[in-house]
Amino acid sequence: MIIYNVTINVDTDVHERWLLWMKATHIPDVMSTGLFLDHRLCRVLADDEGGITYAVQYTCADMATLQRYHAEHAPRLQAETQKNFGGKFAAFRTLLEVLHTA
């Protein structure tokens, strides 16, 4: 299994609107692609200078599925984020391979 982790630092002045948008629109749009098994939205517990940091984790079956998401859906969904919050956030992405679960 693969975890697609997106860490986002959001400007304080828009973070409440961004958080509502993520819960009501963006995450449901990502999940509606049918490529992810589940998701988790977390707030990073850190002293941030300039913004509030979140991590969104999406789980998919394998790398082929994630590559399909990137090819077929990610550009459109990332463009929507830019349209709504461009200049108000910074994001970086990491991939994690699940080796063991309890």
C-alpha atoms as a PDB file:
ATOM      1  CA  MET A   1       0.000   0.000   0.000  1.00  0.00           C
ATOM      2  CA  ILE A   2       1.083   3.575  -0.697  1.00  0.00           C
ATOM      3  CA  ILE A   3       0.335   6.701   1.332  1.00  0.00           C
ATOM      4  CA  TYR A   4       0.327   9.899  -0.691  1.00  0.00           C
ATOM      5  CA  ASN A   5       1.072  12.614   1.871  1.00  0.00           C
ATOM      6  CA  VAL A   6       0.470  16.275   1.037  1.00  0.00           C
ATOM      7  CA  THR A   7       1.790  18.742   3.609  1.00  0.00           C
ATOM      8  CA  ILE A   8       0.359  22.246   3.264  1.00  0.00           C
ATOM      9  CA  ASN A   9       1.233  25.437   5.108  1.00  0.00           C
ATOM     10  CA  VAL A  10      -1.747  27.784   4.809  1.00  0.00           C
ATOM     11  CA  ASP A  11      -1.713  31.509   5.528  1.00  0.00           C
ATOM     12  CA  THR A  12      -3.470  32.286   8.797  1.00  0.00           C
ATOM     13  CA  ASP A  13      -5.885  34.737   7.173  1.00  0.00           C
ATOM     14  CA  VAL A  14      -7.445  32.046   4.939  1.00  0.00           C
ATOM     15  CA  HIS A  15      -6.870  28.844   6.877  1.00  0.00           C
ATOM     16  CA  GLU A  16     -10.451  28.535   8.206  1.00  0.00           C
ATOM     17  CA  ARG A  17     -11.924  28.963   4.707  1.00  0.00           C
ATOM     18  CA  TRP A  18      -9.278  26.600   3.296  1.00  0.00           C
ATOM     19  CA  LEU A  19     -10.067  23.954   5.930  1.00  0.00           C
ATOM     20  CA  LEU A  20     -13.802  24.101   5.191  1.00  0.00           C
ATOM     21  CA  TRP A  21     -13.093  23.891   1.454  1.00  0.00           C
ATOM     22  CA  MET A  22     -10.815  20.891   1.956  1.00  0.00           C
ATOM     23  CA  LYS A  23     -13.441  19.014   3.975  1.00  0.00           C
ATOM     24  CA  ALA A  24     -16.443  19.925   1.814  1.00  0.00           C
ATOM     25  CA  THR A  25     -14.942  20.045  -1.675  1.00  0.00           C
ATOM     26  CA  HIS A  26     -11.337  19.052  -2.316  1.00  0.00           C
ATOM     27  CA  ILE A  27     -11.033  15.831  -0.327  1.00  0.00           C
ATOM     28  CA  PRO A  28     -14.422  14.555  -1.588  1.00  0.00           C
ATOM     29  CA  ASP A  29     -13.290  15.370  -5.158  1.00  0.00           C
ATOM     30  CA  VAL A  30     -10.051  13.421  -4.682  1.00  0.00           C
ATOM     31  CA  MET A  31     -11.889  10.485  -3.137  1.00  0.00           C
ATOM     32  CA  SER A  32     -14.508  10.502  -5.911  1.00  0.00           C
ATOM     33  CA  THR A  33     -11.790   9.489  -8.387  1.00  0.00           C
ATOM     34  CA  GLY A  34     -12.196   5.999  -6.916  1.00  0.00           C
ATOM     35  CA  LEU A  35      -8.425   5.538  -6.757  1.00  0.00           C
ATOM     36  CA  PHE A  36      -7.893   5.991  -3.036  1.00  0.00           C
ATOM     37  CA  LEU A  37      -8.991   3.614  -0.301  1.00  0.00           C
ATOM     38  CA  ASP A  38      -9.173   6.164   2.514  1.00  0.00           C
ATOM     39  CA  HIS A  39      -7.832   9.497   3.672  1.00  0.00           C
ATOM     40  CA  ARG A  40      -6.801  11.357   6.802  1.00  0.00           C
ATOM     41  CA  LEU A  41      -6.617  15.118   7.436  1.00  0.00           C
ATOM     42  CA  CYS A  42      -4.221  16.143  10.214  1.00  0.00           C
ATOM     43  CA  ARG A  43      -2.959  19.371  11.698  1.00  0.00           C
ATOM     44  CA  VAL A  44       0.795  19.432  12.202  1.00  0.00           C
ATOM     45  CA  LEU A  45       1.563  20.271  15.829  1.00  0.00           C
ATOM     46  CA  ALA A  46       4.395  22.756  15.465  1.00  0.00           C
ATOM     47  CA  ASP A  47       5.105  26.378  16.145  1.00  0.00           C
ATOM     48  CA  ASP A  48       4.679  27.786  12.666  1.00  0.00           C
ATOM     49  CA  GLU A  49       5.928  31.208  11.815  1.00  0.00           C
ATOM     50  CA  GLY A  50       3.494  32.442   9.244  1.00  0.00           C
ATOM     51  CA  GLY A  51       0.687  30.009   8.682  1.00  0.00           C
ATOM     52  CA  ILE A  52      -0.823  26.793   9.936  1.00  0.00           C
ATOM     53  CA  THR A  53       0.401  23.447   8.642  1.00  0.00           C
ATOM     54  CA  TYR A  54      -1.740  20.456   7.745  1.00  0.00           C
ATOM     55  CA  ALA A  55      -1.040  17.012   6.308  1.00  0.00           C
ATOM     56  CA  VAL A  56      -3.519  15.164   4.135  1.00  0.00           C
ATOM     57  CA  GLN A  57      -2.832  11.479   3.643  1.00  0.00           C
ATOM     58  CA  TYR A  58      -4.492   9.428   0.926  1.00  0.00           C
ATOM     59  CA  THR A  59      -4.007   5.653   0.812  1.00  0.00           C
ATOM     60  CA  CYS A  60      -3.987   3.722  -2.459  1.00  0.00           C
ATOM     61  CA  ALA A  61      -3.293   0.129  -3.394  1.00  0.00           C
ATOM     62  CA  ASP A  62      -0.055   0.573  -5.345  1.00  0.00           C
ATOM     63  CA  MET A  63       2.205   2.906  -7.344  1.00  0.00           C
ATOM     64  CA  ALA A  64       0.350   2.199 -10.584  1.00  0.00           C
ATOM     65  CA  THR A  65      -2.834   3.534  -9.016  1.00  0.00           C
ATOM     66  CA  LEU A  66      -1.057   6.645  -7.764  1.00  0.00           C
ATOM     67  CA  GLN A  67       0.487   7.235 -11.196  1.00  0.00           C
ATOM     68  CA  ARG A  68      -2.971   6.980 -12.711  1.00  0.00           C
ATOM     69  CA  TYR A  69      -4.209   9.634 -10.258  1.00  0.00           C
ATOM     70  CA  HIS A  70      -1.328  11.931 -11.226  1.00  0.00           C
ATOM     71  CA  ALA A  71      -1.963  11.446 -14.940  1.00  0.00           C
ATOM     72  CA  GLU A  72      -5.757  11.661 -14.973  1.00  0.00           C
ATOM     73  CA  HIS A  73      -6.814  13.849 -12.030  1.00  0.00           C
ATOM     74  CA  ALA A  74      -4.053  15.711 -10.178  1.00  0.00           C
ATOM     75  CA  PRO A  75      -3.561  18.580 -12.673  1.00  0.00           C
ATOM     76  CA  ARG A  76      -7.250  19.538 -12.566  1.00  0.00           C
ATOM     77  CA  LEU A  77      -7.532  19.243  -8.787  1.00  0.00           C
ATOM     78  CA  GLN A  78      -4.320  21.157  -8.156  1.00  0.00           C
ATOM     79  CA  ALA A  79      -5.488  23.897 -10.543  1.00  0.00           C
ATOM     80  CA  GLU A  80      -8.687  24.245  -8.484  1.00  0.00           C
ATOM     81  CA  THR A  81      -6.605  24.707  -5.344  1.00  0.00           C
ATOM     82  CA  GLN A  82      -4.513  27.374  -7.073  1.00  0.00           C
ATOM     83  CA  LYS A  83      -7.631  29.114  -8.340  1.00  0.00           C
ATOM     84  CA  ASN A  84      -9.115  29.304  -4.857  1.00  0.00           C
ATOM     85  CA  PHE A  85      -6.012  29.839  -2.722  1.00  0.00           C
ATOM     86  CA  GLY A  86      -3.096  30.706  -5.004  1.00  0.00           C
ATOM     87  CA  GLY A  87      -0.383  32.627  -3.188  1.00  0.00           C
ATOM     88  CA  LYS A  88      -1.863  31.720   0.204  1.00  0.00           C
ATOM     89  CA  PHE A  89      -0.286  28.295   0.718  1.00  0.00           C
ATOM     90  CA  ALA A  90       2.811  26.216   0.113  1.00  0.00           C
ATOM     91  CA  ALA A  91       2.614  22.466  -0.384  1.00  0.00           C
ATOM     92  CA  PHE A  92       4.986  19.568  -0.743  1.00  0.00           C
ATOM     93  CA  ARG A  93       4.275  15.933  -1.367  1.00  0.00           C
ATOM     94  CA  THR A  94       5.868  12.737  -0.066  1.00  0.00           C
ATOM     95  CA  LEU A  95       5.199   9.065  -0.696  1.00  0.00           C
ATOM     96  CA  LEU A  96       5.248   6.426   2.009  1.00  0.00           C
ATOM     97  CA  GLU A  97       5.171   2.674   1.500  1.00  0.00           C
ATOM     98  CA  VAL A  98       3.242   0.787   4.174  1.00  0.00           C
ATOM     99  CA  LEU A  99       5.381  -2.116   5.350  1.00  0.00           C
ATOM    100  CA  HIS A 100       3.341  -3.288   8.343  1.00  0.00           C
ATOM    101  CA  THR A 101       0.043  -2.516  10.054  1.00  0.00           C
ATOM    102  CA  ALA A 102      -1.297  -3.786  13.344  1.00  0.00           C
END
